[in-house]
Amino acid sequence: MRIVGKQDRTEIELDPIKAIRRGVLLDAMMSGTHPPTQRGVSRGTHEHFNRIDAARRVEAARALNAA
């Protein structure tokens, strides 16, 4: 492996088995960061779902700005 630039990229796992295990571990760590999704069918107008999406975007922006 050749290092290009001044940054050492040792965080890249070259062994595929280790990379898959690391990915599974990271996915498990990230699963708790997403808000829970509602199950089932929901019905509404286009405007209703646009309001829901806008509220989600506002909440996500607040969470990012607070961090």
Protein backbone atom coordinates (compact mmCIF):
# COMPACT_ATOMS: atom_id res chain seq x y z
CA MET A 1 0.00 0.00 0.00
CA ARG A 2 1.24 3.46 -0.84
CA ILE A 3 0.50 6.51 1.29
CA VAL A 4 -0.38 9.57 -0.77
CA GLY A 5 -0.24 12.87 1.06
CA LYS A 6 0.49 13.48 4.73
CA GLN A 7 -2.42 11.51 6.23
CA ASP A 8 -1.92 7.89 7.16
CA ARG A 9 -5.03 5.93 6.18
CA THR A 10 -4.62 3.06 8.65
CA GLU A 11 -8.35 3.06 9.40
CA ILE A 12 -8.99 1.31 6.07
CA GLU A 13 -9.21 -2.42 6.74
CA LEU A 14 -7.68 -4.48 3.94
CA ASP A 15 -8.77 -7.91 5.20
CA PRO A 16 -12.33 -8.52 3.91
CA ILE A 17 -13.41 -10.63 6.91
CA LYS A 18 -12.24 -8.00 9.38
CA ALA A 19 -13.83 -5.26 7.27
CA ILE A 20 -17.21 -7.04 7.32
CA ARG A 21 -17.02 -7.56 11.09
CA ARG A 22 -16.11 -3.93 11.60
CA GLY A 23 -18.99 -2.85 9.36
CA VAL A 24 -21.46 -4.99 11.30
CA LEU A 25 -20.19 -3.49 14.55
CA LEU A 26 -20.51 0.06 13.21
CA ASP A 27 -24.02 -0.66 11.89
CA ALA A 28 -25.02 -1.93 15.33
CA MET A 29 -23.62 1.23 16.94
CA MET A 30 -25.46 3.48 14.48
CA SER A 31 -28.83 1.72 14.74
CA GLY A 32 -29.67 3.55 17.96
CA THR A 33 -29.13 6.98 16.44
CA HIS A 34 -32.12 6.85 14.09
CA PRO A 35 -35.58 7.74 15.35
CA PRO A 36 -37.97 4.78 15.53
CA THR A 37 -40.03 4.23 12.41
CA GLN A 38 -43.76 3.77 12.52
CA ARG A 39 -45.09 0.44 11.33
CA GLY A 40 -48.16 -0.09 9.20
CA VAL A 41 -49.96 1.95 6.60
CA SER A 42 -50.67 5.63 7.00
CA ARG A 43 -52.91 7.65 4.76
CA GLY A 44 -53.03 11.35 4.19
CA THR A 45 -52.87 14.11 1.66
CA HIS A 46 -49.71 15.24 -0.04
CA GLU A 47 -49.68 18.40 2.09
CA HIS A 48 -50.00 16.32 5.27
CA PHE A 49 -46.91 14.27 4.43
CA ASN A 50 -45.04 17.41 3.40
CA ARG A 51 -45.73 18.86 6.87
CA ILE A 52 -44.47 15.65 8.50
CA ASP A 53 -41.30 15.73 6.37
CA ALA A 54 -40.71 19.39 7.20
CA ALA A 55 -41.07 18.68 10.92
CA ARG A 56 -38.57 15.81 10.63
CA ARG A 57 -36.08 18.06 8.84
CA VAL A 58 -36.43 20.72 11.55
CA GLU A 59 -35.88 18.14 14.32
CA ALA A 60 -32.84 16.71 12.52
CA ALA A 61 -31.38 20.21 12.05
CA ARG A 62 -31.93 20.99 15.75
CA ALA A 63 -30.21 17.78 16.77
CA LEU A 64 -27.26 18.50 14.49
CA ASN A 65 -26.93 22.10 15.65
CA ALA A 66 -27.08 21.06 19.31
CA ALA A 67 -24.21 18.58 18.84
